[in-house]
Protein backbone atom coordinates (compact mmCIF):
# COMPACT_ATOMS: atom_id res chain seq x y z
CA MET A 1 83.29 114.39 97.86
CA ARG A 2 84.10 111.47 95.56
CA LEU A 3 87.48 110.79 97.23
CA PHE A 4 85.93 110.33 100.65
CA SER A 5 83.31 107.93 99.28
CA LEU A 6 85.93 105.83 97.54
CA LYS A 7 88.00 105.77 100.67
CA LYS A 8 85.04 104.61 102.73
CA MET A 9 84.61 101.72 100.31
CA ARG A 10 88.29 100.92 100.66
CA PHE A 11 87.97 100.87 104.44
CA ILE A 12 85.07 98.43 104.22
CA VAL A 13 87.21 96.13 102.09
CA ILE A 14 90.04 96.40 104.61
CA MET A 15 87.72 95.51 107.48
CA LEU A 16 86.42 92.47 105.54
CA VAL A 17 89.97 91.31 105.02
CA VAL A 18 90.62 91.73 108.74
CA ALA A 19 87.51 89.76 109.59
CA LEU A 20 88.35 86.93 107.18
CA ALA A 21 92.09 86.73 107.68
CA GLY A 22 92.18 87.76 111.33
CA SER A 23 95.04 90.22 110.83
CA VAL A 24 96.66 92.72 108.47
CA LEU A 25 100.03 92.37 110.18
CA PRO A 26 103.28 91.38 108.47
CA ALA A 27 104.26 87.75 107.91
CA ALA A 28 104.49 85.48 110.92
CA ALA A 29 108.28 85.62 110.80
CA MET A 30 108.11 89.17 112.16
CA LYS A 31 107.13 90.28 115.65
CA LEU A 32 105.58 93.73 116.09
CA VAL A 33 106.69 95.57 119.19
CA PRO A 34 105.10 98.92 120.17
CA LYS A 35 107.33 101.97 120.46
CA VAL A 36 104.70 103.94 122.39
CA ASP A 37 101.97 103.29 124.91
CA ASN A 38 99.50 105.97 123.81
CA ILE A 39 98.27 107.36 120.48
CA ILE A 40 96.51 110.71 120.14
CA PHE A 41 94.75 111.58 116.88
CA PHE A 42 94.94 115.39 116.76
CA VAL A 43 93.08 117.00 113.85
CA ASP A 44 93.49 120.67 112.92
CA HIS A 45 89.97 122.13 112.56
CA SER A 46 91.02 125.74 112.03
CA GLY A 47 89.92 128.22 109.40
CA SER A 48 92.80 127.55 107.04
CA MET A 49 91.89 123.86 106.96
CA ALA A 50 88.52 124.79 105.38
CA MET A 51 90.40 126.14 102.37
CA THR A 52 91.01 124.12 99.22
CA TYR A 53 94.22 122.09 99.31
CA GLN A 54 96.65 123.23 96.63
CA GLY A 55 97.18 119.77 95.21
CA LEU A 56 95.11 116.84 93.94
CA LYS A 57 93.85 119.18 91.18
CA ASN A 58 92.43 121.58 93.79
CA GLU A 59 89.37 119.40 94.28
CA TYR A 60 89.22 118.97 98.05
CA THR A 61 89.43 121.03 101.20
CA LYS A 62 92.24 120.32 103.61
CA ILE A 63 89.89 119.31 106.42
CA LEU A 64 88.24 116.72 104.16
CA LEU A 65 91.63 115.25 103.30
CA ALA A 66 92.72 115.36 106.95
CA LYS A 67 89.62 113.47 108.05
CA ASP A 68 90.09 110.95 105.26
CA ALA A 69 93.76 110.50 106.19
CA ALA A 70 92.94 110.03 109.89
CA ILE A 71 90.40 107.31 109.07
CA GLU A 72 92.90 105.64 106.77
CA VAL A 73 95.64 105.71 109.42
CA ASN A 74 93.26 104.23 111.98
CA TYR A 75 92.67 101.17 109.83
CA ARG A 76 96.39 100.59 109.33
CA ILE A 77 97.42 100.67 113.00
CA PRO A 78 98.01 97.18 114.45
CA ASN A 79 96.40 96.71 117.84
CA LEU A 80 99.37 96.41 120.19
CA ASN A 81 97.59 97.26 123.43
CA TYR A 82 97.84 101.00 122.95
CA LYS A 83 95.61 103.56 124.57
CA SER A 84 94.16 106.11 122.18
CA GLY A 85 92.04 109.24 122.02
CA VAL A 86 90.71 111.60 119.36
CA PHE A 87 90.85 115.39 119.64
CA THR A 88 90.53 118.43 117.41
CA PHE A 89 91.97 121.89 117.91
CA ALA A 90 90.83 125.34 116.80
CA PRO A 91 88.59 124.79 118.62
CA PHE A 92 89.96 122.19 121.04
CA GLU A 93 87.47 119.36 121.51
CA GLN A 94 87.68 115.84 122.88
CA LEU A 95 85.94 113.50 120.45
CA SER A 96 86.90 110.39 122.40
CA ALA A 97 88.73 110.13 125.72
CA MET A 98 91.91 108.11 126.17
CA ALA A 99 90.94 104.43 126.35
CA PRO A 100 92.25 101.04 125.17
CA TYR A 101 92.72 101.32 121.42
CA ASN A 102 89.78 100.09 119.36
CA GLN A 103 89.57 100.71 115.62
CA THR A 104 85.79 100.92 115.56
CA ALA A 105 85.68 103.39 118.45
CA VAL A 106 88.29 105.62 116.82
CA HIS A 107 86.43 105.49 113.50
CA ASP A 108 83.19 106.42 115.24
CA ALA A 109 84.94 109.41 116.84
CA LEU A 110 86.46 110.60 113.58
CA SER A 111 83.39 110.16 111.39
CA PRO A 112 81.33 113.10 112.78
CA ILE A 113 84.10 115.66 112.18
CA ASN A 114 82.49 118.51 110.26
CA VAL A 115 84.18 119.17 106.92
CA ASN A 116 81.76 121.87 105.73
CA TYR A 117 82.35 125.01 107.77
CA PRO A 118 83.25 128.63 106.95
CA ILE A 119 86.81 129.86 107.12
CA TYR A 120 85.97 132.18 110.06
CA GLY A 121 88.16 134.96 108.77
CA ASN A 122 91.07 132.54 108.36
CA LEU A 123 91.84 132.35 112.10
CA THR A 124 94.26 129.51 112.73
CA PRO A 125 95.20 129.29 116.44
CA MET A 126 97.48 126.27 116.17
CA GLY A 127 99.73 127.24 119.09
CA PRO A 128 96.86 127.52 121.60
CA GLY A 129 95.55 124.23 120.24
CA LEU A 130 98.79 122.48 121.13
CA MET A 131 98.75 124.20 124.52
CA SER A 132 95.31 122.67 125.20
CA LEU A 133 96.78 119.20 124.74
CA ASP A 134 99.06 119.53 127.78
CA PRO A 135 96.47 118.41 130.39
CA VAL A 136 95.80 115.28 128.33
CA LEU A 137 99.50 114.44 128.08
CA SER A 138 100.09 115.04 131.77
CA GLY A 139 97.57 112.33 132.65
CA LEU A 140 99.29 109.62 130.61
CA SER A 141 102.05 107.21 131.58
CA GLY A 142 104.67 105.83 129.23
CA ARG A 143 105.38 107.22 125.76
CA THR A 144 102.84 109.05 123.62
CA ALA A 145 102.63 109.60 119.86
CA VAL A 146 100.62 112.63 118.78
CA ILE A 147 99.53 112.12 115.16
CA LEU A 148 99.00 115.68 114.00
CA PHE A 149 96.90 116.27 110.88
CA THR A 150 97.59 119.90 109.98
CA ASP A 151 98.57 122.43 107.33
CA GLY A 152 100.97 124.11 109.77
CA ASP A 153 99.40 127.55 109.43
CA ASP A 154 99.09 129.66 112.58
CA ASN A 155 98.20 133.34 112.78
CA LEU A 156 96.60 133.71 116.20
CA GLY A 157 98.10 133.39 119.67
CA ILE A 158 101.40 131.77 120.58
CA ASP A 159 103.56 130.40 117.77
CA ALA A 160 102.89 126.69 117.14
CA VAL A 161 106.55 125.67 117.04
CA THR A 162 107.19 127.56 120.29
CA GLU A 163 104.37 125.69 122.04
CA ALA A 164 105.37 122.34 120.55
CA THR A 165 108.93 122.98 121.73
CA ALA A 166 107.65 123.68 125.25
CA LEU A 167 105.71 120.40 125.27
CA GLN A 168 108.73 118.52 124.00
CA ALA A 169 110.91 120.04 126.70
CA LYS A 170 108.39 119.05 129.37
CA TYR A 171 107.87 115.43 128.25
CA GLY A 172 111.19 114.66 126.53
CA ASN A 173 111.41 111.27 124.84
CA ARG A 174 107.98 110.41 126.22
CA LEU A 175 106.48 112.51 123.42
CA CYS A 176 106.72 111.97 119.67
CA PHE A 177 105.03 114.28 117.16
CA MET A 178 104.01 112.43 113.99
CA VAL A 179 102.88 114.87 111.31
CA VAL A 180 100.53 114.23 108.40
CA SER A 181 101.22 117.38 106.44
CA LEU A 182 98.59 119.28 104.47
CA ALA A 183 100.90 122.28 104.21
CA ASP A 184 100.62 124.02 100.87
CA ASN A 185 102.55 127.24 101.47
CA ALA A 186 106.11 127.99 102.55
CA HIS A 187 105.23 128.99 106.12
CA GLY A 188 103.15 125.90 106.79
CA LYS A 189 105.75 123.57 105.32
CA GLU A 190 108.47 125.07 107.50
CA GLN A 191 106.29 124.80 110.62
CA VAL A 192 105.40 121.13 110.19
CA LYS A 193 109.02 120.19 109.48
CA LYS A 194 110.16 121.90 112.67
CA ILE A 195 107.47 120.23 114.78
CA ALA A 196 108.20 116.76 113.37
CA ALA A 197 111.91 117.21 114.07
CA LEU A 198 111.50 118.25 117.70
CA SER A 199 111.34 114.82 119.32
CA GLY A 200 113.94 113.14 117.16
CA CYS A 201 111.22 110.90 115.70
CA HIS A 202 111.26 112.79 112.39
CA CYS A 203 107.95 111.15 111.45
CA ILE A 204 106.33 113.21 108.70
CA ILE A 205 104.41 112.37 105.55
CA GLU A 206 102.58 114.43 102.93
CA VAL A 207 98.84 113.75 102.85
CA GLU A 208 98.90 112.87 99.15
CA GLU A 209 101.61 110.28 99.73
CA LEU A 210 99.77 108.79 102.70
CA LEU A 211 96.54 108.40 100.73
CA ASN A 212 98.18 107.00 97.59
CA ASN A 213 101.25 105.02 98.69
CA ARG A 214 100.65 102.10 101.04
CA ASN A 215 104.37 101.44 101.62
CA ALA A 216 104.99 105.07 102.52
CA GLU A 217 102.03 105.02 104.92
CA ASP A 218 103.28 101.86 106.64
CA ASN A 219 106.78 103.34 106.92
CA PHE A 220 105.25 106.41 108.56
CA LEU A 221 103.45 104.27 111.14
CA ARG A 222 106.54 102.18 111.82
CA CYS A 223 108.49 105.39 112.36
CA GLY A 224 106.54 106.34 115.46
CA LEU A 225 104.25 103.52 116.58
CA TYR A 226 105.93 100.14 116.33
CA GLU A 227 108.96 98.22 115.16
CA GLU A 228 109.30 94.89 113.39
CA LEU A 229 111.68 92.39 114.93
CA ALA A 230 112.67 89.03 113.52
CA ASP A 231 111.05 86.27 115.54
CA THR A 232 113.57 83.54 114.76
CA SER A 233 112.20 81.02 117.24
CA SER A 234 108.58 80.27 117.91
CA GLU A 235 109.57 79.50 121.51
CA VAL A 236 111.01 82.96 122.17
CA VAL A 237 108.54 85.77 122.86
CA ILE A 238 109.92 89.27 122.33
CA PHE A 239 108.14 91.42 124.89
CA ARG A 240 109.28 95.05 124.89
CA SER A 241 112.39 97.21 124.88
CA ILE A 242 113.34 100.06 127.17
CA TYR A 243 115.74 102.81 126.19
CA PHE A 244 118.58 104.63 127.92
CA ASP A 245 120.21 108.03 127.76
CA PHE A 246 123.68 108.30 126.26
CA ASP A 247 126.34 106.57 128.41
CA LYS A 248 123.76 105.76 131.11
CA SER A 249 122.48 102.52 132.60
CA ASN A 250 119.92 103.92 135.05
CA ILE A 251 116.26 103.21 134.32
CA LYS A 252 114.29 106.28 133.27
CA PRO A 253 110.95 106.86 135.06
CA GLU A 254 108.99 106.79 131.80
CA PHE A 255 109.85 103.10 131.34
CA ILE A 256 108.71 101.94 134.76
CA PRO A 257 105.23 101.03 133.37
CA VAL A 258 106.90 98.85 130.74
CA LEU A 259 109.00 97.07 133.37
CA ASP A 260 106.00 96.60 135.64
CA GLU A 261 104.15 95.02 132.74
CA GLY A 262 107.13 92.72 132.20
CA VAL A 263 107.13 91.78 135.87
CA ALA A 264 103.42 90.97 135.67
CA VAL A 265 104.01 88.73 132.63
CA SER A 266 106.87 87.00 134.47
CA LYS A 267 104.65 86.27 137.45
CA SER A 268 101.84 84.93 135.26
CA LYS A 269 104.24 82.66 133.33
CA SER A 270 106.30 81.12 136.10
CA ASN A 271 107.58 78.36 133.80
CA GLN A 272 109.41 80.80 131.56
CA GLN A 273 112.92 82.19 131.71
CA VAL A 274 113.40 85.96 131.49
CA ILE A 275 116.15 87.03 129.07
CA LEU A 276 117.48 90.58 129.28
CA GLU A 277 119.70 91.63 126.36
CA GLY A 278 121.65 94.87 126.71
CA HIS A 279 122.76 96.99 123.74
CA THR A 280 124.50 100.31 123.05
CA ASP A 281 124.95 102.75 120.21
CA SER A 282 128.22 102.91 118.25
CA VAL A 283 129.87 105.77 120.16
CA GLY A 284 132.96 104.59 122.08
CA SER A 285 135.19 101.54 122.11
CA VAL A 286 134.08 97.92 121.82
CA GLU A 287 135.27 97.18 125.34
CA TYR A 288 133.52 100.15 126.96
CA ASN A 289 130.23 99.48 125.19
CA GLN A 290 130.34 95.81 126.11
CA ALA A 291 130.53 96.70 129.79
CA LEU A 292 127.85 99.39 129.40
CA SER A 293 125.46 96.95 127.74
CA GLU A 294 125.96 94.51 130.61
CA ARG A 295 125.27 97.24 133.17
CA ARG A 296 122.04 98.12 131.38
CA ALA A 297 120.86 94.50 131.38
CA ASN A 298 121.77 94.12 135.05
CA SER A 299 119.90 97.29 136.02
CA VAL A 300 116.73 95.80 134.56
CA LYS A 301 117.45 92.51 136.33
CA ALA A 302 117.79 94.35 139.63
CA TYR A 303 114.37 95.91 139.08
CA PHE A 304 112.76 92.54 138.31
CA VAL A 305 114.36 90.95 141.39
CA LYS A 306 113.22 93.85 143.57
CA LYS A 307 109.67 93.24 142.32
CA GLY A 308 109.75 89.57 143.29
CA ILE A 309 111.12 87.69 140.28
CA ALA A 310 113.63 85.02 141.35
CA SER A 311 117.17 85.84 140.29
CA ASP A 312 117.75 82.37 138.89
CA ARG A 313 114.91 82.86 136.41
CA ILE A 314 116.69 85.82 134.83
CA THR A 315 119.48 85.61 132.28
CA THR A 316 121.38 88.75 131.33
CA VAL A 317 123.63 89.20 128.34
CA GLY A 318 125.39 92.22 126.88
CA TYR A 319 125.95 92.64 123.16
CA GLY A 320 127.68 96.02 123.27
CA LYS A 321 127.39 97.77 119.92
CA SER A 322 127.46 94.58 117.86
CA ARG A 323 123.71 94.32 117.21
CA PRO A 324 122.33 97.73 116.20
CA ARG A 325 118.63 97.85 115.46
CA ALA A 326 118.71 101.25 113.75
CA ASP A 327 121.09 103.52 111.85
CA ASN A 328 123.82 104.83 114.15
CA ALA A 329 124.37 107.75 111.77
CA THR A 330 121.28 109.54 113.16
CA ASP A 331 120.36 110.75 116.66
CA GLU A 332 117.12 108.76 116.58
CA GLY A 333 118.90 105.63 115.39
CA ARG A 334 121.43 105.85 118.20
CA ARG A 335 118.61 106.39 120.71
CA LEU A 336 116.87 103.21 119.52
CA ASN A 337 120.12 101.26 119.84
CA ARG A 338 120.62 102.23 123.51
CA ARG A 339 118.25 99.58 124.79
CA VAL A 340 117.52 96.46 126.78
CA GLU A 341 115.31 93.92 125.05
CA ILE A 342 113.06 91.84 127.31
CA LYS A 343 112.31 88.31 126.12
CA PHE A 344 110.68 85.20 127.54
CA THR A 345 111.48 81.59 126.70
CA PRO A 346 110.45 78.23 128.21
CA MET A 347 112.81 76.91 130.88
CA ASN A 348 114.93 73.91 129.93
């Protein structure tokens, strides 16, 4: 168990740095903006996870590495007012209920996970495990990232990809599967790739890379949990973004909580101007996308006005497709570009 002990020492060092420096976030020139509202740590505790991982010189079981990886991820997540919970599957168990994210609470939930258990005849009911997560997801508002620590094996009950597909169909863009892969056979590798690709997030990382490559780990977290935006003026506060379907300007129900939070901030800071910046992906002409970006900004303005924010406090601007945030060559990149950014700045 030498790896786990070394990792625990590393976590202590990280926490000391946090205590002394106050933050492990990027330089002050960057603003971190959450992509999701909820984070679920979902650890595969099935029989196959008790087997030795075919890597790292065959020294460690997969469940030991999964637990180690989950603890490591916890200490690298910036606190951006998420809600979080910790669960295992095979069997399904709630280790901590959904609550405002707290690193210590998540660590305390992960620490008791048993890493010394028999293989139980190699039963790996991954599909039923995902099915058990549905009642948790149904009780959440906003977008949810499920960080799945698994080897992808399933040989009991409904197929894991089939169940993950059903969840994705039910929750749409409100759900993002982020996979920390411990797959060490062809079937498992294929399964985790399919699950990670379902939501368009495409957030997947091998456990060895996560534990040994800090940049790769941070890129994995940025993929699903937050984005870094340039904060070019100390007077401008970048609040949140909401996203739109292709060629649409109507507000999707899943972003109502974000808008309500923006309204609440507006009411608490009555001396600040609200700036709504509309954007599009690259599909279509410059002229069409300019008008579409303006419609998106104005739809958010209409919501703010309806909720009691004075119209003269709100400035809308459309940038069309001129300011992409992500790569328009991918589906996920185009989705991230179809947005309205909500900002606040002191009134003149």
